[in-house]
C-alpha atoms as a PDB file:
ATOM      1  CA  UNK A   1      16.125  22.357  25.951  1.00  0.00           C
ATOM      2  CA  UNK A   2      13.840  19.540  25.194  1.00  0.00           C
ATOM      3  CA  UNK A   3      12.209  18.523  22.132  1.00  0.00           C
ATOM      4  CA  UNK A   4       8.761  17.690  21.454  1.00  0.00           C
ATOM      5  CA  UNK A   5       5.882  16.535  18.750  1.00  0.00           C
ATOM      6  CA  UNK A   6       2.736  17.469  18.596  1.00  0.00           C
ATOM      7  CA  UNK A   7       0.281  15.423  16.642  1.00  0.00           C
ATOM      8  CA  UNK A   8      -2.674  17.637  15.066  1.00  0.00           C
ATOM      9  CA  UNK A   9      -5.873  15.934  14.178  1.00  0.00           C
ATOM     10  CA  UNK A  10      -8.056  17.728  11.833  1.00  0.00           C
ATOM     11  CA  UNK A  11     -12.011  17.134  12.485  1.00  0.00           C
ATOM     12  CA  UNK A  12     -14.500  16.648   9.954  1.00  0.00           C
ATOM     13  CA  UNK A  13     -12.804  14.279   7.619  1.00  0.00           C
ATOM     14  CA  UNK A  14     -10.012  15.240   5.011  1.00  0.00           C
ATOM     15  CA  UNK A  15     -10.184  18.298   2.997  1.00  0.00           C
ATOM     16  CA  UNK A  16      -6.385  18.583   2.707  1.00  0.00           C
ATOM     17  CA  UNK A  17      -5.956  21.637   5.123  1.00  0.00           C
ATOM     18  CA  UNK A  18      -3.361  19.641   7.121  1.00  0.00           C
ATOM     19  CA  UNK A  19      -2.031  16.725   4.937  1.00  0.00           C
ATOM     20  CA  UNK A  20      -5.089  15.008   4.636  1.00  0.00           C
ATOM     21  CA  UNK A  21      -6.538  15.150   8.479  1.00  0.00           C
ATOM     22  CA  UNK A  22      -3.294  15.113  10.495  1.00  0.00           C
ATOM     23  CA  UNK A  23       0.040  16.725  10.603  1.00  0.00           C
ATOM     24  CA  UNK A  24       2.861  16.114  13.264  1.00  0.00           C
ATOM     25  CA  UNK A  25       5.073  19.267  14.138  1.00  0.00           C
ATOM     26  CA  UNK A  26       8.627  19.216  16.090  1.00  0.00           C
ATOM     27  CA  UNK A  27       9.710  22.032  18.260  1.00  0.00           C
ATOM     28  CA  UNK A  28      12.008  23.081  20.976  1.00  0.00           C
ATOM     29  CA  UNK A  29      11.320  24.474  24.614  1.00  0.00           C
ATOM     30  CA  UNK A  30      12.441  25.555  27.745  1.00  0.00           C
ATOM     31  CA  UNK A  31       9.492  25.486  29.686  1.00  0.00           C
ATOM     32  CA  UNK A  32       5.708  24.830  29.929  1.00  0.00           C
ATOM     33  CA  UNK A  33       4.932  28.055  28.675  1.00  0.00           C
ATOM     34  CA  UNK A  34       7.002  27.699  25.690  1.00  0.00           C
ATOM     35  CA  UNK A  35       5.253  24.415  25.049  1.00  0.00           C
ATOM     36  CA  UNK A  36       1.812  25.936  25.439  1.00  0.00           C
ATOM     37  CA  UNK A  37       2.885  28.659  23.256  1.00  0.00           C
ATOM     38  CA  UNK A  38       4.331  26.534  20.302  1.00  0.00           C
ATOM     39  CA  UNK A  39       0.920  24.256  20.566  1.00  0.00           C
ATOM     40  CA  UNK A  40      -1.401  27.622  20.414  1.00  0.00           C
ATOM     41  CA  UNK A  41       0.723  28.867  17.525  1.00  0.00           C
ATOM     42  CA  UNK A  42       0.183  25.472  15.458  1.00  0.00           C
ATOM     43  CA  UNK A  43      -3.502  25.114  16.481  1.00  0.00           C
ATOM     44  CA  UNK A  44      -4.190  28.706  15.384  1.00  0.00           C
ATOM     45  CA  UNK A  45      -1.791  28.289  12.399  1.00  0.00           C
ATOM     46  CA  UNK A  46      -4.523  25.775  10.730  1.00  0.00           C
ATOM     47  CA  UNK A  47      -7.676  27.508  12.639  1.00  0.00           C
ATOM     48  CA  UNK A  48      -8.922  26.575  16.044  1.00  0.00           C
ATOM     49  CA  UNK A  49     -12.109  25.231  14.628  1.00  0.00           C
ATOM     50  CA  UNK A  50     -10.183  23.051  12.019  1.00  0.00           C
ATOM     51  CA  UNK A  51      -8.540  21.156  15.052  1.00  0.00           C
ATOM     52  CA  UNK A  52     -10.155  18.466  16.697  1.00  0.00           C
ATOM     53  CA  UNK A  53      -7.391  16.635  18.746  1.00  0.00           C
ATOM     54  CA  UNK A  54      -3.712  17.368  19.620  1.00  0.00           C
ATOM     55  CA  UNK A  55      -1.664  14.739  20.795  1.00  0.00           C
ATOM     56  CA  UNK A  56       1.745  15.870  22.529  1.00  0.00           C
ATOM     57  CA  UNK A  57       5.067  13.801  22.774  1.00  0.00           C
ATOM     58  CA  UNK A  58       8.222  14.559  24.749  1.00  0.00           C
ATOM     59  CA  UNK A  59      11.238  13.276  22.522  1.00  0.00           C
ATOM     60  CA  UNK A  60      14.013  11.480  24.313  1.00  0.00           C
ATOM     61  CA  UNK A  61      17.425  10.742  23.363  1.00  0.00           C
ATOM     62  CA  UNK A  62      16.681   6.976  23.612  1.00  0.00           C
ATOM     63  CA  UNK A  63      16.855   5.708  19.957  1.00  0.00           C
ATOM     64  CA  UNK A  64      18.184   2.713  17.750  1.00  0.00           C
ATOM     65  CA  UNK A  65      19.320   2.796  14.499  1.00  0.00           C
ATOM     66  CA  UNK A  66      17.069   0.293  12.062  1.00  0.00           C
ATOM     67  CA  UNK A  67      18.756  -2.290  10.159  1.00  0.00           C
ATOM     68  CA  UNK A  68      16.735  -2.110   7.182  1.00  0.00           C
ATOM     69  CA  UNK A  69      18.273  -5.265   5.153  1.00  0.00           C
ATOM     70  CA  UNK A  70      17.603  -7.008   8.552  1.00  0.00           C
ATOM     71  CA  UNK A  71      14.299  -5.846   8.654  1.00  0.00           C
ATOM     72  CA  UNK A  72      13.104  -7.248   5.154  1.00  0.00           C
ATOM     73  CA  UNK A  73      15.553 -10.120   5.503  1.00  0.00           C
ATOM     74  CA  UNK A  74      13.083 -12.767   5.948  1.00  0.00           C
ATOM     75  CA  UNK A  75      10.510 -11.101   2.957  1.00  0.00           C
ATOM     76  CA  UNK A  76      13.478 -11.188   0.698  1.00  0.00           C
ATOM     77  CA  UNK A  77      14.339 -14.812   1.525  1.00  0.00           C
ATOM     78  CA  UNK A  78      10.959 -15.799   0.874  1.00  0.00           C
ATOM     79  CA  UNK A  79      10.806 -13.923  -2.172  1.00  0.00           C
ATOM     80  CA  UNK A  80      13.778 -15.837  -3.509  1.00  0.00           C
ATOM     81  CA  UNK A  81      12.170 -19.111  -2.376  1.00  0.00           C
ATOM     82  CA  UNK A  82       8.834 -18.225  -4.053  1.00  0.00           C
ATOM     83  CA  UNK A  83      10.992 -17.433  -7.506  1.00  0.00           C
ATOM     84  CA  UNK A  84      12.937 -20.631  -7.133  1.00  0.00           C
ATOM     85  CA  UNK A  85      10.147 -22.879  -6.707  1.00  0.00           C
ATOM     86  CA  UNK A  86       8.007 -20.930  -9.635  1.00  0.00           C
ATOM     87  CA  UNK A  87      10.993 -21.636 -11.869  1.00  0.00           C
ATOM     88  CA  UNK A  88      11.599 -25.308 -10.661  1.00  0.00           C
ATOM     89  CA  UNK A  89       7.544 -25.994 -11.124  1.00  0.00           C
ATOM     90  CA  UNK A  90       8.176 -24.378 -14.836  1.00  0.00           C
ATOM     91  CA  UNK A  91      11.057 -26.937 -15.358  1.00  0.00           C
ATOM     92  CA  UNK A  92       9.066 -29.824 -14.304  1.00  0.00           C
ATOM     93  CA  UNK A  93       6.356 -29.108 -16.297  1.00  0.00           C
ATOM     94  CA  UNK A  94       8.752 -28.888 -19.353  1.00  0.00           C
ATOM     95  CA  UNK A  95      10.385 -32.041 -18.444  1.00  0.00           C
ATOM     96  CA  UNK A  96       6.692 -33.618 -17.963  1.00  0.00           C
ATOM     97  CA  UNK A  97       5.753 -32.547 -21.426  1.00  0.00           C
ATOM     98  CA  UNK A  98       9.136 -33.674 -22.887  1.00  0.00           C
ATOM     99  CA  UNK A  99       8.761 -37.221 -21.388  1.00  0.00           C
ATOM    100  CA  UNK A 100       5.100 -37.366 -22.828  1.00  0.00           C
ATOM    101  CA  UNK A 101       6.524 -36.432 -26.089  1.00  0.00           C
ATOM    102  CA  UNK A 102       9.572 -38.692 -26.085  1.00  0.00           C
ATOM    103  CA  UNK A 103       8.456 -41.613 -23.799  1.00  0.00           C
ATOM    104  CA  UNK A 104      11.504 -43.857 -25.201  1.00  0.00           C
ATOM    105  CA  UNK A 105      14.217 -41.454 -24.281  1.00  0.00           C
END
């Protein structure tokens, strides 16, 4: 048995019939006939006149885990650097103001 996805697109804009114009449906099937049956059922569920396009995907067992922390590591490092630079600029401003106020110190 193989796994499949169909991506249904609603015509005529977004009226929230199917998640604002599109939805994805996952199913399993053994044969071409089983695939066609599932697609027909989904299209009929939303109404043939409402569905403008259907995209079909076969899901393979090829998969990879996503390291979420790694994915955002560069962004997080930049956020830390930006916060540090902002704090340093604030401290330098205070130092400059103090030097002006107390020039002999």
